[in-house]
Amino acid sequence: MVLQHNDEFKVLASSEDARVQAILEAARTVEERGKTYGPPSQHFGRTTGAINAIFANKLREPLTTEDWAMFMIIDKLAREQEVPKHDNAIDMIGYASCMVECKAARSEEEIER
């Protein structure tokens, strides 16, 4: 199997290797984005706060940071349907890990209360 990213080609021994490589690449991306934007629980919190304020009259209940991670996964799926790209899958892995982190942060907040 051959993996292409940014004009680089890597020959992988199996599809299992490709899966591991994708997870490792997503981990590097999540780390870089965290340095730029901060923890997803904070960044997504700002986003959902704005959406909840703007669309309060249309929402049955406020969106959570985990909801926003799921929206971003849906957005990446939609993009993949239009323009298939390696980055879409990497970003979906990253957003899934953000969802896990947001759930953990919410649990910590609930314990502290």
PDB file of N, CA and C in Angstrom:
ATOM      1  N   MET A   1       0.844  -1.174   0.000  1.00  0.00           N
ATOM      2  CA  MET A   1       0.000   0.000   0.000  1.00  0.00           C
ATOM      3  C   MET A   1       0.888   1.236   0.000  1.00  0.00           C
ATOM      4  N   VAL A   2       0.464   2.264  -0.735  1.00  0.00           N
ATOM      5  CA  VAL A   2       1.209   3.514  -0.803  1.00  0.00           C
ATOM      6  C   VAL A   2       0.374   4.608  -0.168  1.00  0.00           C
ATOM      7  N   LEU A   3       0.986   5.388   0.721  1.00  0.00           N
ATOM      8  CA  LEU A   3       0.334   6.503   1.393  1.00  0.00           C
ATOM      9  C   LEU A   3       0.921   7.789   0.839  1.00  0.00           C
ATOM     10  N   GLN A   4       0.058   8.689   0.348  1.00  0.00           N
ATOM     11  CA  GLN A   4       0.533   9.962  -0.167  1.00  0.00           C
ATOM     12  C   GLN A   4       0.076  11.075   0.757  1.00  0.00           C
ATOM     13  N   HIS A   5       1.015  11.971   1.066  1.00  0.00           N
ATOM     14  CA  HIS A   5       0.692  13.155   1.856  1.00  0.00           C
ATOM     15  C   HIS A   5       1.703  14.231   1.524  1.00  0.00           C
ATOM     16  N   ASN A   6       1.203  15.421   1.145  1.00  0.00           N
ATOM     17  CA  ASN A   6       2.079  16.548   0.808  1.00  0.00           C
ATOM     18  C   ASN A   6       3.189  16.151  -0.168  1.00  0.00           C
ATOM     19  N   ASP A   7       2.801  15.525  -1.252  1.00  0.00           N
ATOM     20  CA  ASP A   7       3.733  15.109  -2.297  1.00  0.00           C
ATOM     21  C   ASP A   7       4.770  14.095  -1.829  1.00  0.00           C
ATOM     22  N   GLU A   8       4.558  13.488  -0.680  1.00  0.00           N
ATOM     23  CA  GLU A   8       5.439  12.422  -0.206  1.00  0.00           C
ATOM     24  C   GLU A   8       4.725  11.094  -0.420  1.00  0.00           C
ATOM     25  N   PHE A   9       5.478  10.092  -0.802  1.00  0.00           N
ATOM     26  CA  PHE A   9       4.922   8.765  -0.940  1.00  0.00           C
ATOM     27  C   PHE A   9       5.630   7.843   0.027  1.00  0.00           C
ATOM     28  N   LYS A  10       4.863   7.094   0.784  1.00  0.00           N
ATOM     29  CA  LYS A  10       5.427   6.126   1.712  1.00  0.00           C
ATOM     30  C   LYS A  10       4.851   4.767   1.362  1.00  0.00           C
ATOM     31  N   VAL A  11       5.678   3.788   1.232  1.00  0.00           N
ATOM     32  CA  VAL A  11       5.211   2.439   0.968  1.00  0.00           C
ATOM     33  C   VAL A  11       4.987   1.755   2.306  1.00  0.00           C
ATOM     34  N   LEU A  12       3.786   1.277   2.497  1.00  0.00           N
ATOM     35  CA  LEU A  12       3.427   0.617   3.742  1.00  0.00           C
ATOM     36  C   LEU A  12       3.213  -0.872   3.470  1.00  0.00           C
ATOM     37  N   ALA A  13       3.576  -1.660   4.437  1.00  0.00           N
ATOM     38  CA  ALA A  13       3.525  -3.109   4.261  1.00  0.00           C
ATOM     39  C   ALA A  13       2.096  -3.639   4.183  1.00  0.00           C
ATOM     40  N   SER A  14       1.170  -3.016   4.899  1.00  0.00           N
ATOM     41  CA  SER A  14      -0.193  -3.526   4.914  1.00  0.00           C
ATOM     42  C   SER A  14      -1.174  -2.406   5.208  1.00  0.00           C
ATOM     43  N   SER A  15      -2.458  -2.742   5.061  1.00  0.00           N
ATOM     44  CA  SER A  15      -3.477  -1.749   5.392  1.00  0.00           C
ATOM     45  C   SER A  15      -3.446  -1.443   6.883  1.00  0.00           C
ATOM     46  N   GLU A  16      -3.011  -2.394   7.696  1.00  0.00           N
ATOM     47  CA  GLU A  16      -2.877  -2.155   9.136  1.00  0.00           C
ATOM     48  C   GLU A  16      -1.837  -1.070   9.390  1.00  0.00           C
ATOM     49  N   ASP A  17      -0.731  -1.098   8.658  1.00  0.00           N
ATOM     50  CA  ASP A  17       0.277  -0.051   8.786  1.00  0.00           C
ATOM     51  C   ASP A  17      -0.305   1.309   8.411  1.00  0.00           C
ATOM     52  N   ALA A  18      -1.142   1.346   7.388  1.00  0.00           N
ATOM     53  CA  ALA A  18      -1.757   2.607   6.963  1.00  0.00           C
ATOM     54  C   ALA A  18      -2.645   3.162   8.068  1.00  0.00           C
ATOM     55  N   ARG A  19      -3.365   2.276   8.753  1.00  0.00           N
ATOM     56  CA  ARG A  19      -4.239   2.704   9.840  1.00  0.00           C
ATOM     57  C   ARG A  19      -3.414   3.320  10.967  1.00  0.00           C
ATOM     58  N   VAL A  20      -2.329   2.665  11.329  1.00  0.00           N
ATOM     59  CA  VAL A  20      -1.459   3.170  12.395  1.00  0.00           C
ATOM     60  C   VAL A  20      -0.831   4.491  11.974  1.00  0.00           C
ATOM     61  N   GLN A  21      -0.379   4.594  10.736  1.00  0.00           N
ATOM     62  CA  GLN A  21       0.214   5.834  10.240  1.00  0.00           C
ATOM     63  C   GLN A  21      -0.789   6.982  10.289  1.00  0.00           C
ATOM     64  N   ALA A  22      -2.041   6.699   9.938  1.00  0.00           N
ATOM     65  CA  ALA A  22      -3.073   7.738   9.967  1.00  0.00           C
ATOM     66  C   ALA A  22      -3.302   8.228  11.400  1.00  0.00           C
ATOM     67  N   ILE A  23      -3.324   7.307  12.342  1.00  0.00           N
ATOM     68  CA  ILE A  23      -3.519   7.689  13.740  1.00  0.00           C
ATOM     69  C   ILE A  23      -2.339   8.515  14.231  1.00  0.00           C
ATOM     70  N   LEU A  24      -1.129   8.128  13.873  1.00  0.00           N
ATOM     71  CA  LEU A  24       0.062   8.882  14.286  1.00  0.00           C
ATOM     72  C   LEU A  24       0.071  10.275  13.668  1.00  0.00           C
ATOM     73  N   GLU A  25      -0.309  10.358  12.401  1.00  0.00           N
ATOM     74  CA  GLU A  25      -0.373  11.664  11.746  1.00  0.00           C
ATOM     75  C   GLU A  25      -1.430  12.551  12.405  1.00  0.00           C
ATOM     76  N   ALA A  26      -2.568  11.957  12.743  1.00  0.00           N
ATOM     77  CA  ALA A  26      -3.616  12.719  13.432  1.00  0.00           C
ATOM     78  C   ALA A  26      -3.123  13.203  14.790  1.00  0.00           C
ATOM     79  N   ALA A  27      -2.362  12.370  15.482  1.00  0.00           N
ATOM     80  CA  ALA A  27      -1.829  12.775  16.795  1.00  0.00           C
ATOM     81  C   ALA A  27      -0.901  13.977  16.652  1.00  0.00           C
ATOM     82  N   ARG A  28      -0.071  13.976  15.628  1.00  0.00           N
ATOM     83  CA  ARG A  28       0.821  15.124  15.399  1.00  0.00           C
ATOM     84  C   ARG A  28       0.005  16.372  15.072  1.00  0.00           C
ATOM     85  N   THR A  29      -1.022  16.215  14.270  1.00  0.00           N
ATOM     86  CA  THR A  29      -1.868  17.344  13.883  1.00  0.00           C
ATOM     87  C   THR A  29      -2.600  17.905  15.099  1.00  0.00           C
ATOM     88  N   VAL A  30      -3.156  17.027  15.934  1.00  0.00           N
ATOM     89  CA  VAL A  30      -3.875  17.461  17.132  1.00  0.00           C
ATOM     90  C   VAL A  30      -2.926  18.230  18.055  1.00  0.00           C
ATOM     91  N   GLU A  31      -1.710  17.744  18.186  1.00  0.00           N
ATOM     92  CA  GLU A  31      -0.731  18.416  19.040  1.00  0.00           C
ATOM     93  C   GLU A  31      -0.412  19.817  18.509  1.00  0.00           C
ATOM     94  N   GLU A  32      -0.190  19.930  17.195  1.00  0.00           N
ATOM     95  CA  GLU A  32       0.097  21.235  16.588  1.00  0.00           C
ATOM     96  C   GLU A  32      -1.075  22.190  16.761  1.00  0.00           C
ATOM     97  N   ARG A  33      -2.290  21.711  16.507  1.00  0.00           N
ATOM     98  CA  ARG A  33      -3.475  22.567  16.624  1.00  0.00           C
ATOM     99  C   ARG A  33      -3.698  22.999  18.063  1.00  0.00           C
ATOM    100  N   GLY A  34      -3.392  22.116  18.995  1.00  0.00           N
ATOM    101  CA  GLY A  34      -3.536  22.461  20.406  1.00  0.00           C
ATOM    102  C   GLY A  34      -2.625  23.605  20.802  1.00  0.00           C
ATOM    103  N   LYS A  35      -1.429  23.617  20.235  1.00  0.00           N
ATOM    104  CA  LYS A  35      -0.488  24.713  20.512  1.00  0.00           C
ATOM    105  C   LYS A  35      -1.008  26.027  19.936  1.00  0.00           C
ATOM    106  N   THR A  36      -1.690  25.949  18.817  1.00  0.00           N
ATOM    107  CA  THR A  36      -2.202  27.153  18.154  1.00  0.00           C
ATOM    108  C   THR A  36      -3.505  27.646  18.766  1.00  0.00           C
ATOM    109  N   TYR A  37      -4.458  26.715  18.995  1.00  0.00           N
ATOM    110  CA  TYR A  37      -5.813  27.108  19.392  1.00  0.00           C
ATOM    111  C   TYR A  37      -6.163  26.786  20.840  1.00  0.00           C
ATOM    112  N   GLY A  38      -5.316  26.076  21.539  1.00  0.00           N
ATOM    113  CA  GLY A  38      -5.624  25.677  22.903  1.00  0.00           C
ATOM    114  C   GLY A  38      -6.419  24.385  22.938  1.00  0.00           C
ATOM    115  N   PRO A  39      -6.776  23.948  24.138  1.00  0.00           N
ATOM    116  CA  PRO A  39      -7.531  22.698  24.277  1.00  0.00           C
ATOM    117  C   PRO A  39      -8.882  22.787  23.577  1.00  0.00           C
ATOM    118  N   PRO A  40      -9.336  21.688  22.970  1.00  0.00           N
ATOM    119  CA  PRO A  40     -10.626  21.732  22.281  1.00  0.00           C
ATOM    120  C   PRO A  40     -11.783  22.080  23.215  1.00  0.00           C
ATOM    121  N   SER A  41     -11.688  21.700  24.488  1.00  0.00           N
ATOM    122  CA  SER A  41     -12.784  22.042  25.400  1.00  0.00           C
ATOM    123  C   SER A  41     -12.941  23.559  25.515  1.00  0.00           C
ATOM    124  N   GLN A  42     -11.841  24.309  25.423  1.00  0.00           N
ATOM    125  CA  GLN A  42     -11.918  25.773  25.469  1.00  0.00           C
ATOM    126  C   GLN A  42     -12.297  26.355  24.107  1.00  0.00           C
ATOM    127  N   HIS A  43     -11.603  25.917  23.064  1.00  0.00           N
ATOM    128  CA  HIS A  43     -11.869  26.438  21.716  1.00  0.00           C
ATOM    129  C   HIS A  43     -13.291  26.100  21.272  1.00  0.00           C
ATOM    130  N   PHE A  44     -13.697  24.841  21.430  1.00  0.00           N
ATOM    131  CA  PHE A  44     -15.051  24.435  21.052  1.00  0.00           C
ATOM    132  C   PHE A  44     -16.073  25.110  21.966  1.00  0.00           C
ATOM    133  N   GLY A  45     -15.690  25.379  23.215  1.00  0.00           N
ATOM    134  CA  GLY A  45     -16.575  26.075  24.139  1.00  0.00           C
ATOM    135  C   GLY A  45     -16.908  27.473  23.649  1.00  0.00           C
ATOM    136  N   ARG A  46     -15.898  28.164  23.113  1.00  0.00           N
ATOM    137  CA  ARG A  46     -16.154  29.500  22.548  1.00  0.00           C
ATOM    138  C   ARG A  46     -17.085  29.397  21.351  1.00  0.00           C
ATOM    139  N   THR A  47     -16.845  28.389  20.506  1.00  0.00           N
ATOM    140  CA  THR A  47     -17.668  28.207  19.310  1.00  0.00           C
ATOM    141  C   THR A  47     -19.111  27.885  19.683  1.00  0.00           C
ATOM    142  N   THR A  48     -19.297  26.892  20.553  1.00  0.00           N
ATOM    143  CA  THR A  48     -20.668  26.515  20.922  1.00  0.00           C
ATOM    144  C   THR A  48     -21.353  27.620  21.716  1.00  0.00           C
ATOM    145  N   GLY A  49     -20.595  28.387  22.492  1.00  0.00           N
ATOM    146  CA  GLY A  49     -21.183  29.519  23.206  1.00  0.00           C
ATOM    147  C   GLY A  49     -21.788  30.524  22.247  1.00  0.00           C
ATOM    148  N   ALA A  50     -21.053  30.829  21.186  1.00  0.00           N
ATOM    149  CA  ALA A  50     -21.553  31.772  20.184  1.00  0.00           C
ATOM    150  C   ALA A  50     -22.767  31.200  19.447  1.00  0.00           C
ATOM    151  N   ILE A  51     -22.683  29.946  19.060  1.00  0.00           N
ATOM    152  CA  ILE A  51     -23.805  29.315  18.347  1.00  0.00           C
ATOM    153  C   ILE A  51     -25.032  29.254  19.243  1.00  0.00           C
ATOM    154  N   ASN A  52     -24.841  28.871  20.502  1.00  0.00           N
ATOM    155  CA  ASN A  52     -25.974  28.787  21.428  1.00  0.00           C
ATOM    156  C   ASN A  52     -26.635  30.143  21.616  1.00  0.00           C
ATOM    157  N   ALA A  53     -25.839  31.201  21.650  1.00  0.00           N
ATOM    158  CA  ALA A  53     -26.400  32.547  21.807  1.00  0.00           C
ATOM    159  C   ALA A  53     -27.164  32.975  20.551  1.00  0.00           C
ATOM    160  N   ILE A  54     -26.574  32.733  19.406  1.00  0.00           N
ATOM    161  CA  ILE A  54     -27.183  33.170  18.149  1.00  0.00           C
ATOM    162  C   ILE A  54     -28.441  32.368  17.808  1.00  0.00           C
ATOM    163  N   PHE A  55     -28.405  31.058  18.082  1.00  0.00           N
ATOM    164  CA  PHE A  55     -29.512  30.190  17.684  1.00  0.00           C
ATOM    165  C   PHE A  55     -30.349  29.695  18.869  1.00  0.00           C
ATOM    166  N   ALA A  56     -30.325  30.428  19.979  1.00  0.00           N
ATOM    167  CA  ALA A  56     -31.044  30.007  21.187  1.00  0.00           C
ATOM    168  C   ALA A  56     -32.518  29.730  20.926  1.00  0.00           C
ATOM    169  N   ASN A  57     -33.126  30.527  20.071  1.00  0.00           N
ATOM    170  CA  ASN A  57     -34.559  30.345  19.812  1.00  0.00           C
ATOM    171  C   ASN A  57     -34.845  29.137  18.914  1.00  0.00           C
ATOM    172  N   LYS A  58     -33.819  28.533  18.341  1.00  0.00           N
ATOM    173  CA  LYS A  58     -34.019  27.388  17.452  1.00  0.00           C
ATOM    174  C   LYS A  58     -33.569  26.061  18.065  1.00  0.00           C
ATOM    175  N   LEU A  59     -32.780  26.131  19.123  1.00  0.00           N
ATOM    176  CA  LEU A  59     -32.251  24.918  19.732  1.00  0.00           C
ATOM    177  C   LEU A  59     -33.140  24.458  20.879  1.00  0.00           C
ATOM    178  N   ARG A  60     -33.366  23.155  20.976  1.00  0.00           N
ATOM    179  CA  ARG A  60     -34.115  22.608  22.110  1.00  0.00           C
ATOM    180  C   ARG A  60     -33.269  22.636  23.377  1.00  0.00           C
ATOM    181  N   GLU A  61     -31.957  22.454  23.201  1.00  0.00           N
ATOM    182  CA  GLU A  61     -31.020  22.523  24.321  1.00  0.00           C
ATOM    183  C   GLU A  61     -29.680  23.009  23.783  1.00  0.00           C
ATOM    184  N   PRO A  62     -28.861  23.584  24.629  1.00  0.00           N
ATOM    185  CA  PRO A  62     -27.574  24.109  24.164  1.00  0.00           C
ATOM    186  C   PRO A  62     -26.658  23.001  23.621  1.00  0.00           C
ATOM    187  N   LEU A  63     -25.886  23.361  22.627  1.00  0.00           N
ATOM    188  CA  LEU A  63     -24.880  22.434  22.100  1.00  0.00           C
ATOM    189  C   LEU A  63     -23.734  22.323  23.089  1.00  0.00           C
ATOM    190  N   THR A  64     -23.104  21.161  23.112  1.00  0.00           N
ATOM    191  CA  THR A  64     -21.945  20.941  23.967  1.00  0.00           C
ATOM    192  C   THR A  64     -20.682  20.918  23.107  1.00  0.00           C
ATOM    193  N   THR A  65     -19.557  20.928  23.769  1.00  0.00           N
ATOM    194  CA  THR A  65     -18.289  20.839  23.037  1.00  0.00           C
ATOM    195  C   THR A  65     -18.188  19.504  22.308  1.00  0.00           C
ATOM    196  N   GLU A  66     -18.730  18.451  22.901  1.00  0.00           N
ATOM    197  CA  GLU A  66     -18.725  17.143  22.225  1.00  0.00           C
ATOM    198  C   GLU A  66     -19.591  17.181  20.969  1.00  0.00           C
ATOM    199  N   ASP A  67     -20.723  17.896  21.049  1.00  0.00           N
ATOM    200  CA  ASP A  67     -21.581  18.055  19.866  1.00  0.00           C
ATOM    201  C   ASP A  67     -20.793  18.709  18.733  1.00  0.00           C
ATOM    202  N   TRP A  68     -20.007  19.734  19.106  1.00  0.00           N
ATOM    203  CA  TRP A  68     -19.262  20.447  18.069  1.00  0.00           C
ATOM    204  C   TRP A  68     -18.234  19.531  17.401  1.00  0.00           C
ATOM    205  N   ALA A  69     -17.588  18.681  18.179  1.00  0.00           N
ATOM    206  CA  ALA A  69     -16.645  17.718  17.589  1.00  0.00           C
ATOM    207  C   ALA A  69     -17.372  16.824  16.585  1.00  0.00           C
ATOM    208  N   MET A  70     -18.594  16.397  16.929  1.00  0.00           N
ATOM    209  CA  MET A  70     -19.367  15.564  16.004  1.00  0.00           C
ATOM    210  C   MET A  70     -19.755  16.343  14.747  1.00  0.00           C
ATOM    211  N   PHE A  71     -20.118  17.622  14.904  1.00  0.00           N
ATOM    212  CA  PHE A  71     -20.413  18.454  13.728  1.00  0.00           C
ATOM    213  C   PHE A  71     -19.207  18.522  12.796  1.00  0.00           C
ATOM    214  N   MET A  72     -18.033  18.670  13.379  1.00  0.00           N
ATOM    215  CA  MET A  72     -16.828  18.776  12.551  1.00  0.00           C
ATOM    216  C   MET A  72     -16.535  17.460  11.830  1.00  0.00           C
ATOM    217  N   ILE A  73     -16.822  16.337  12.479  1.00  0.00           N
ATOM    218  CA  ILE A  73     -16.661  15.031  11.810  1.00  0.00           C
ATOM    219  C   ILE A  73     -17.649  14.944  10.646  1.00  0.00           C
ATOM    220  N   ILE A  74     -18.884  15.367  10.872  1.00  0.00           N
ATOM    221  CA  ILE A  74     -19.890  15.364   9.798  1.00  0.00           C
ATOM    222  C   ILE A  74     -19.440  16.254   8.645  1.00  0.00           C
ATOM    223  N   ASP A  75     -18.882  17.432   8.976  1.00  0.00           N
ATOM    224  CA  ASP A  75     -18.390  18.336   7.940  1.00  0.00           C
ATOM    225  C   ASP A  75     -17.284  17.665   7.121  1.00  0.00           C
ATOM    226  N   LYS A  76     -16.384  16.958   7.785  1.00  0.00           N
ATOM    227  CA  LYS A  76     -15.295  16.279   7.068  1.00  0.00           C
ATOM    228  C   LYS A  76     -15.846  15.149   6.193  1.00  0.00           C
ATOM    229  N   LEU A  77     -16.891  14.458   6.664  1.00  0.00           N
ATOM    230  CA  LEU A  77     -17.523  13.427   5.834  1.00  0.00           C
ATOM    231  C   LEU A  77     -18.139  14.050   4.585  1.00  0.00           C
ATOM    232  N   ALA A  78     -18.795  15.202   4.764  1.00  0.00           N
ATOM    233  CA  ALA A  78     -19.392  15.891   3.622  1.00  0.00           C
ATOM    234  C   ALA A  78     -18.319  16.336   2.635  1.00  0.00           C
ATOM    235  N   ARG A  79     -17.199  16.853   3.164  1.00  0.00           N
ATOM    236  CA  ARG A  79     -16.103  17.260   2.286  1.00  0.00           C
ATOM    237  C   ARG A  79     -15.544  16.059   1.517  1.00  0.00           C
ATOM    238  N   GLU A  80     -15.435  14.931   2.209  1.00  0.00           N
ATOM    239  CA  GLU A  80     -14.902  13.721   1.566  1.00  0.00           C
ATOM    240  C   GLU A  80     -15.804  13.269   0.422  1.00  0.00           C
ATOM    241  N   GLN A  81     -17.113  13.469   0.558  1.00  0.00           N
ATOM    242  CA  GLN A  81     -18.037  13.122  -0.522  1.00  0.00           C
ATOM    243  C   GLN A  81     -17.825  14.005  -1.743  1.00  0.00           C
ATOM    244  N   GLU A  82     -17.468  15.253  -1.512  1.00  0.00           N
ATOM    245  CA  GLU A  82     -17.264  16.213  -2.602  1.00  0.00           C
ATOM    246  C   GLU A  82     -15.865  16.104  -3.195  1.00  0.00           C
ATOM    247  N   VAL A  83     -14.858  16.193  -2.328  1.00  0.00           N
ATOM    248  CA  VAL A  83     -13.454  16.168  -2.773  1.00  0.00           C
ATOM    249  C   VAL A  83     -12.677  15.226  -1.851  1.00  0.00           C
ATOM    250  N   PRO A  84     -12.536  13.968  -2.256  1.00  0.00           N
ATOM    251  CA  PRO A  84     -11.789  13.022  -1.422  1.00  0.00           C
ATOM    252  C   PRO A  84     -10.332  13.463  -1.257  1.00  0.00           C
ATOM    253  N   LYS A  85      -9.908  13.575   0.013  1.00  0.00           N
ATOM    254  CA  LYS A  85      -8.532  13.965   0.321  1.00  0.00           C
ATOM    255  C   LYS A  85      -8.064  13.212   1.556  1.00  0.00           C
ATOM    256  N   HIS A  86      -6.796  12.937   1.598  1.00  0.00           N
ATOM    257  CA  HIS A  86      -6.179  12.267   2.742  1.00  0.00           C
ATOM    258  C   HIS A  86      -6.452  13.036   4.036  1.00  0.00           C
ATOM    259  N   ASP A  87      -6.355  14.350   3.993  1.00  0.00           N
ATOM    260  CA  ASP A  87      -6.532  15.176   5.186  1.00  0.00           C
ATOM    261  C   ASP A  87      -7.910  15.019   5.825  1.00  0.00           C
ATOM    262  N   ASN A  88      -8.933  14.716   5.034  1.00  0.00           N
ATOM    263  CA  ASN A  88     -10.270  14.559   5.606  1.00  0.00           C
ATOM    264  C   ASN A  88     -10.300  13.439   6.640  1.00  0.00           C
ATOM    265  N   ALA A  89      -9.717  12.305   6.311  1.00  0.00           N
ATOM    266  CA  ALA A  89      -9.683  11.177   7.246  1.00  0.00           C
ATOM    267  C   ALA A  89      -8.837  11.503   8.468  1.00  0.00           C
ATOM    268  N   ILE A  90      -7.708  12.147   8.251  1.00  0.00           N
ATOM    269  CA  ILE A  90      -6.834  12.523   9.373  1.00  0.00           C
ATOM    270  C   ILE A  90      -7.584  13.473  10.307  1.00  0.00           C
ATOM    271  N   ASP A  91      -8.278  14.444   9.735  1.00  0.00           N
ATOM    272  CA  ASP A  91      -9.036  15.394  10.556  1.00  0.00           C
ATOM    273  C   ASP A  91     -10.170  14.707  11.317  1.00  0.00           C
ATOM    274  N   MET A  92     -10.824  13.719  10.690  1.00  0.00           N
ATOM    275  CA  MET A  92     -11.887  12.997  11.397  1.00  0.00           C
ATOM    276  C   MET A  92     -11.326  12.266  12.618  1.00  0.00           C
ATOM    277  N   ILE A  93     -10.167  11.656  12.466  1.00  0.00           N
ATOM    278  CA  ILE A  93      -9.519  10.997  13.605  1.00  0.00           C
ATOM    279  C   ILE A  93      -9.224  12.035  14.678  1.00  0.00           C
ATOM    280  N   GLY A  94      -8.696  13.172  14.268  1.00  0.00           N
ATOM    281  CA  GLY A  94      -8.381  14.236  15.214  1.00  0.00           C
ATOM    282  C   GLY A  94      -9.611  14.748  15.941  1.00  0.00           C
ATOM    283  N   TYR A  95     -10.708  14.967  15.215  1.00  0.00           N
ATOM    284  CA  TYR A  95     -11.929  15.459  15.858  1.00  0.00           C
ATOM    285  C   TYR A  95     -12.525  14.407  16.794  1.00  0.00           C
ATOM    286  N   ALA A  96     -12.389  13.129  16.445  1.00  0.00           N
ATOM    287  CA  ALA A  96     -12.855  12.078  17.352  1.00  0.00           C
ATOM    288  C   ALA A  96     -12.053  12.125  18.653  1.00  0.00           C
ATOM    289  N   SER A  97     -10.749  12.370  18.551  1.00  0.00           N
ATOM    290  CA  SER A  97      -9.945  12.469  19.777  1.00  0.00           C
ATOM    291  C   SER A  97     -10.314  13.728  20.562  1.00  0.00           C
ATOM    292  N   CYS A  98     -10.671  14.795  19.871  1.00  0.00           N
ATOM    293  CA  CYS A  98     -11.134  16.013  20.559  1.00  0.00           C
ATOM    294  C   CYS A  98     -12.430  15.733  21.313  1.00  0.00           C
ATOM    295  N   MET A  99     -13.308  14.932  20.731  1.00  0.00           N
ATOM    296  CA  MET A  99     -14.561  14.585  21.384  1.00  0.00           C
ATOM    297  C   MET A  99     -14.275  13.845  22.696  1.00  0.00           C
ATOM    298  N   VAL A 100     -13.325  12.924  22.657  1.00  0.00           N
ATOM    299  CA  VAL A 100     -12.942  12.187  23.867  1.00  0.00           C
ATOM    300  C   VAL A 100     -12.403  13.153  24.920  1.00  0.00           C
ATOM    301  N   GLU A 101     -11.545  14.085  24.499  1.00  0.00           N
ATOM    302  CA  GLU A 101     -10.971  15.054  25.430  1.00  0.00           C
ATOM    303  C   GLU A 101     -12.047  15.966  26.017  1.00  0.00           C
ATOM    304  N   CYS A 102     -12.996  16.393  25.194  1.00  0.00           N
ATOM    305  CA  CYS A 102     -14.081  17.252  25.689  1.00  0.00           C
ATOM    306  C   CYS A 102     -14.951  16.517  26.700  1.00  0.00           C
ATOM    307  N   LYS A 103     -15.238  15.242  26.446  1.00  0.00           N
ATOM    308  CA  LYS A 103     -16.019  14.457  27.404  1.00  0.00           C
ATOM    309  C   LYS A 103     -15.270  14.335  28.721  1.00  0.00           C
ATOM    310  N   ALA A 104     -13.965  14.101  28.652  1.00  0.00           N
ATOM    311  CA  ALA A 104     -13.161  13.988  29.869  1.00  0.00           C
ATOM    312  C   ALA A 104     -13.155  15.309  30.632  1.00  0.00           C
ATOM    313  N   ALA A 105     -13.031  16.422  29.912  1.00  0.00           N
ATOM    314  CA  ALA A 105     -13.031  17.737  30.557  1.00  0.00           C
ATOM    315  C   ALA A 105     -14.375  17.999  31.234  1.00  0.00           C
ATOM    316  N   ARG A 106     -15.455  17.616  30.583  1.00  0.00           N
ATOM    317  CA  ARG A 106     -16.793  17.798  31.161  1.00  0.00           C
ATOM    318  C   ARG A 106     -16.922  16.957  32.430  1.00  0.00           C
ATOM    319  N   SER A 107     -16.434  15.735  32.397  1.00  0.00           N
ATOM    320  CA  SER A 107     -16.493  14.865  33.583  1.00  0.00           C
ATOM    321  C   SER A 107     -15.704  15.474  34.732  1.00  0.00           C
ATOM    322  N   GLU A 108     -14.524  16.027  34.430  1.00  0.00           N
ATOM    323  CA  GLU A 108     -13.706  16.675  35.462  1.00  0.00           C
ATOM    324  C   GLU A 108     -14.446  17.857  36.067  1.00  0.00           C
ATOM    325  N   GLU A 109     -15.100  18.648  35.204  1.00  0.00           N
ATOM    326  CA  GLU A 109     -15.865  19.807  35.695  1.00  0.00           C
ATOM    327  C   GLU A 109     -17.000  19.366  36.611  1.00  0.00           C
ATOM    328  N   GLU A 110     -17.672  18.287  36.244  1.00  0.00           N
ATOM    329  CA  GLU A 110     -18.798  17.798  37.044  1.00  0.00           C
ATOM    330  C   GLU A 110     -18.315  17.273  38.391  1.00  0.00           C
ATOM    331  N   ILE A 111     -17.161  16.634  38.416  1.00  0.00           N
ATOM    332  CA  ILE A 111     -16.586  16.132  39.672  1.00  0.00           C
ATOM    333  C   ILE A 111     -16.214  17.285  40.593  1.00  0.00           C
ATOM    334  N   GLU A 112     -15.686  18.368  40.020  1.00  0.00           N
ATOM    335  CA  GLU A 112     -15.259  19.531  40.811  1.00  0.00           C
ATOM    336  C   GLU A 112     -16.442  20.269  41.426  1.00  0.00           C
ATOM    337  N   ARG A 113     -17.616  20.117  40.865  1.00  0.00           N
ATOM    338  CA  ARG A 113     -18.810  20.821  41.387  1.00  0.00           C
ATOM    339  C   ARG A 113     -19.278  20.227  42.648  1.00  0.00           C
TER     340      ARG A 113
END
